[in-house]
Protein backbone atom coordinates (compact mmCIF):
# COMPACT_ATOMS: atom_id res chain seq x y z
CA MET A 1 -8.04 -16.04 0.55
CA GLU A 2 -9.03 -12.57 -0.72
CA PHE A 3 -8.86 -9.52 1.58
CA LEU A 4 -9.83 -5.91 1.28
CA CYS A 5 -7.56 -3.44 3.05
CA TYR A 6 -8.61 0.26 3.30
CA HIS A 7 -6.16 2.55 5.04
CA ARG A 8 -7.97 5.86 5.78
CA ASP A 9 -5.70 8.88 5.99
CA ARG A 10 -5.18 10.95 9.16
CA PRO A 11 -6.17 14.62 8.76
CA ASP A 12 -3.25 16.75 7.69
CA SER A 13 -1.08 13.67 6.83
CA LEU A 14 -0.65 14.51 3.12
CA PRO A 15 2.92 15.89 3.32
CA LEU A 16 3.99 12.69 5.15
CA ARG A 17 2.04 10.50 2.70
CA MET A 18 3.80 12.17 -0.23
CA ALA A 19 7.27 11.90 1.40
CA LEU A 20 6.62 8.08 1.73
CA LEU A 21 5.15 7.56 -1.73
CA GLU A 22 8.09 5.67 -3.17
CA ASP A 23 8.38 3.58 -0.01
CA HIS A 24 4.60 2.76 -0.36
CA TRP A 25 5.03 1.83 -3.97
CA SER A 26 8.16 -0.31 -3.27
CA TYR A 27 6.25 -2.11 -0.55
CA MET A 28 3.24 -2.73 -2.81
CA ASP A 29 5.65 -4.01 -5.61
CA ARG A 30 6.33 -6.91 -3.35
CA TYR A 31 2.62 -7.92 -3.61
CA ASP A 32 2.25 -7.43 -7.35
CA LYS A 33 1.09 -10.89 -8.12
CA GLU A 34 -1.47 -10.92 -5.27
CA MET A 35 -3.14 -7.63 -6.20
CA ILE A 36 -6.80 -7.74 -7.43
CA ALA A 37 -7.26 -3.93 -7.18
CA ARG A 38 -5.38 -0.95 -5.69
CA GLY A 39 -5.59 2.81 -5.68
CA PRO A 40 -6.25 5.99 -3.63
CA THR A 41 -9.58 7.32 -2.48
CA LEU A 42 -9.83 11.00 -3.23
CA GLY A 43 -11.28 14.06 -1.56
CA GLN A 44 -13.89 16.46 -3.01
CA ASP A 45 -11.39 18.13 -5.33
CA GLY A 46 -10.84 14.68 -7.05
CA GLU A 47 -7.14 14.99 -6.44
CA THR A 48 -6.19 14.82 -2.85
CA PRO A 49 -5.69 11.38 -1.44
CA THR A 50 -7.90 10.45 1.53
CA GLY A 51 -7.01 6.82 1.83
CA SER A 52 -5.43 3.81 0.17
CA LEU A 53 -7.33 0.75 -0.97
CA HIS A 54 -5.81 -2.68 -1.73
CA ILE A 55 -7.67 -5.90 -2.54
CA LEU A 56 -5.41 -8.89 -2.69
CA ASP A 57 -5.16 -12.70 -2.48
CA LEU A 58 -3.09 -13.77 0.51
CA PRO A 59 -2.57 -17.18 2.27
CA ASP A 60 -4.52 -16.28 5.54
CA ALA A 61 -5.66 -13.55 7.95
CA ALA A 62 -2.12 -13.41 9.50
CA ALA A 63 -0.64 -12.57 6.17
CA ALA A 64 -3.33 -9.92 5.66
CA ARG A 65 -2.67 -8.31 9.00
CA ALA A 66 1.11 -8.28 8.25
CA PHE A 67 0.34 -6.56 4.87
CA ALA A 68 -1.89 -3.97 6.39
CA PHE A 69 0.27 -3.06 9.46
CA ASP A 70 3.68 -3.38 7.97
CA GLU A 71 2.87 -0.85 5.27
CA PRO A 72 5.27 2.21 5.56
CA GLY A 73 2.57 4.77 5.71
CA TYR A 74 0.78 2.86 8.57
CA GLN A 75 4.10 2.52 10.31
CA ALA A 76 4.81 6.24 9.95
CA GLY A 77 1.34 7.43 11.15
CA VAL A 78 -0.21 8.47 7.84
CA TYR A 79 -3.44 6.65 8.50
CA ARG A 80 -6.06 7.17 11.18
CA ASP A 81 -7.56 3.59 10.89
CA VAL A 82 -7.57 0.46 8.83
CA LEU A 83 -10.55 -1.51 7.54
CA LEU A 84 -9.26 -5.13 6.98
CA ARG A 85 -11.83 -7.73 5.93
CA ARG A 86 -12.04 -11.06 4.11
CA TRP A 87 -13.53 -10.44 0.72
CA ARG A 88 -14.85 -12.72 -2.00
CA ASN A 89 -14.10 -11.74 -5.66
CA LEU A 90 -17.48 -12.41 -7.37
CA LEU A 91 -16.22 -11.02 -10.69
CA GLY A 92 -13.20 -13.37 -10.72
CA ARG A 93 -10.91 -10.75 -12.21
CA THR A 94 -8.51 -8.02 -11.45
CA MET A 95 -8.92 -4.33 -11.95
CA TRP A 96 -6.51 -4.64 -14.90
CA ASP A 97 -9.02 -6.96 -16.60
CA PHE A 98 -11.84 -4.32 -16.37
CA PRO A 99 -12.98 -3.66 -19.95
CA GLY A 100 -13.45 0.11 -19.25
CA GLY A 101 -9.64 0.55 -18.60
CA PRO A 102 -8.08 2.79 -16.04
CA ALA A 103 -9.38 6.16 -17.08
CA ASP A 104 -12.78 5.82 -18.70
CA GLY A 105 -15.29 7.74 -16.48
CA ASP A 106 -15.52 8.53 -12.76
CA ARG A 107 -14.62 5.59 -10.43
CA TYR A 108 -15.80 4.93 -6.80
CA LEU A 109 -15.35 2.73 -3.88
CA VAL A 110 -18.64 1.75 -2.24
CA LEU A 111 -18.53 0.14 1.21
CA GLY A 112 -21.80 -1.13 2.61
CA LEU A 113 -21.20 -1.97 6.22
CA GLY A 114 -23.36 -4.82 7.40
CA ALA A 115 -26.31 -4.83 9.76
CA GLY A 116 -28.13 -8.15 10.26
CA GLU A 117 -29.01 -10.52 7.51
CA ALA A 118 -26.67 -10.86 4.54
CA ALA A 119 -27.51 -8.70 1.51
CA GLU A 120 -26.52 -8.55 -2.17
CA LEU A 121 -24.45 -11.71 -2.27
CA ALA A 122 -24.56 -11.85 -6.11
CA VAL A 123 -23.31 -9.48 -8.74
CA PRO A 124 -26.10 -6.90 -9.46
CA ALA A 125 -27.81 -7.60 -12.77
CA GLY A 126 -27.11 -5.27 -15.59
CA ARG A 127 -24.12 -3.63 -13.89
CA GLY A 128 -21.39 -5.86 -15.28
CA ASP A 129 -20.01 -3.18 -17.61
CA ASP A 130 -19.44 -0.68 -14.80
CA LEU A 131 -18.18 -3.01 -12.10
CA ILE A 132 -14.41 -3.15 -11.58
CA ALA A 133 -14.59 -5.25 -8.37
CA TYR A 134 -17.50 -6.64 -6.36
CA GLY A 135 -18.00 -8.83 -3.48
CA PRO A 136 -18.97 -9.47 0.20
CA LEU A 137 -16.99 -8.40 3.21
CA LEU A 138 -16.59 -11.39 5.60
CA SER A 139 -15.36 -12.35 8.99
CA ASP A 140 -11.78 -13.74 9.19
CA ASP A 141 -13.02 -17.29 8.97
CA GLY A 142 -15.33 -16.38 6.04
CA THR A 143 -18.52 -17.44 7.71
CA ALA A 144 -20.12 -14.25 8.75
CA TRP A 145 -21.27 -11.57 6.37
CA LEU A 146 -20.10 -8.08 7.36
CA GLY A 147 -21.07 -6.05 4.34
CA THR A 148 -20.36 -5.40 0.67
CA ALA A 149 -17.52 -3.67 -1.23
CA ALA A 150 -17.54 -2.56 -4.80
CA LEU A 151 -15.35 -0.57 -7.12
CA LEU A 152 -17.27 0.78 -10.05
CA ARG A 153 -17.52 3.44 -12.81
CA ALA A 154 -20.53 5.65 -12.28
CA PRO A 155 -21.71 9.17 -13.40
CA GLY A 156 -21.51 10.44 -9.77
CA PRO A 157 -21.60 9.54 -6.05
CA ALA A 158 -25.37 9.17 -5.93
CA ALA A 159 -25.32 6.70 -8.87
CA ALA A 160 -22.49 4.77 -7.19
CA ARG A 161 -24.43 4.65 -3.85
CA ALA A 162 -27.52 3.36 -5.77
CA LEU A 163 -25.52 0.12 -6.53
CA LEU A 164 -26.47 -1.01 -3.02
CA THR A 165 -29.78 -1.34 -1.28
CA VAL A 166 -28.97 1.38 1.30
CA ASP A 167 -31.50 0.31 3.85
CA ARG A 168 -29.92 -3.22 4.11
CA TYR A 169 -26.77 -1.63 5.64
CA ALA A 170 -25.88 0.07 8.85
CA GLU A 171 -23.85 2.57 6.78
CA VAL A 172 -22.94 3.06 3.18
CA GLU A 173 -19.76 5.00 2.24
CA VAL A 174 -18.96 6.31 -1.19
CA HIS A 175 -15.43 7.45 -1.91
CA ALA A 176 -14.04 8.82 -5.29
CA TRP A 177 -11.25 6.31 -6.31
CA ARG A 178 -8.76 5.78 -9.02
CA PHE A 179 -6.62 3.00 -10.34
CA GLY A 180 -3.39 2.97 -8.40
CA GLY A 181 0.18 1.97 -8.84
CA ARG A 182 3.22 3.58 -10.38
CA SER A 183 2.66 6.00 -13.29
CA GLY A 184 4.30 5.25 -16.55
């Protein structure tokens, strides 16, 4: 089962986050084989972390909750909240398989939080070259549509937002994002 886990940073938690960086990476190393995508969301300066995104394949919802809430930054109070949802990998690949590589162009996390009838359950036509990850957010049992999540390369936040039909969602969030993991 695939899950999307987005830890959102608490205001003024950057020093604690940085102090725990090696602990965070060591924890994530334990999930290396399960990772579909990972990386920080970034503030307006394009450098300051604002959150930590992980998409992974785990046995069940209990394993996903353990992953999210045992994470060292969560345990220490770095994050203000956690979005944890089942997810379906419509591209069938990991971020490491993305043909654009880790540094070609600006990258974004787009979250469309559901409202009513399911929307955009298929990969958008003509966007395959820019999509890093794409799929629906689902309830724990996988039966209810709760939104859509995408990682993509785009020339700016407005272009990233345009991936989704905004009026089909209660809210659409766009976050600058970059490939995560250990450097070098």
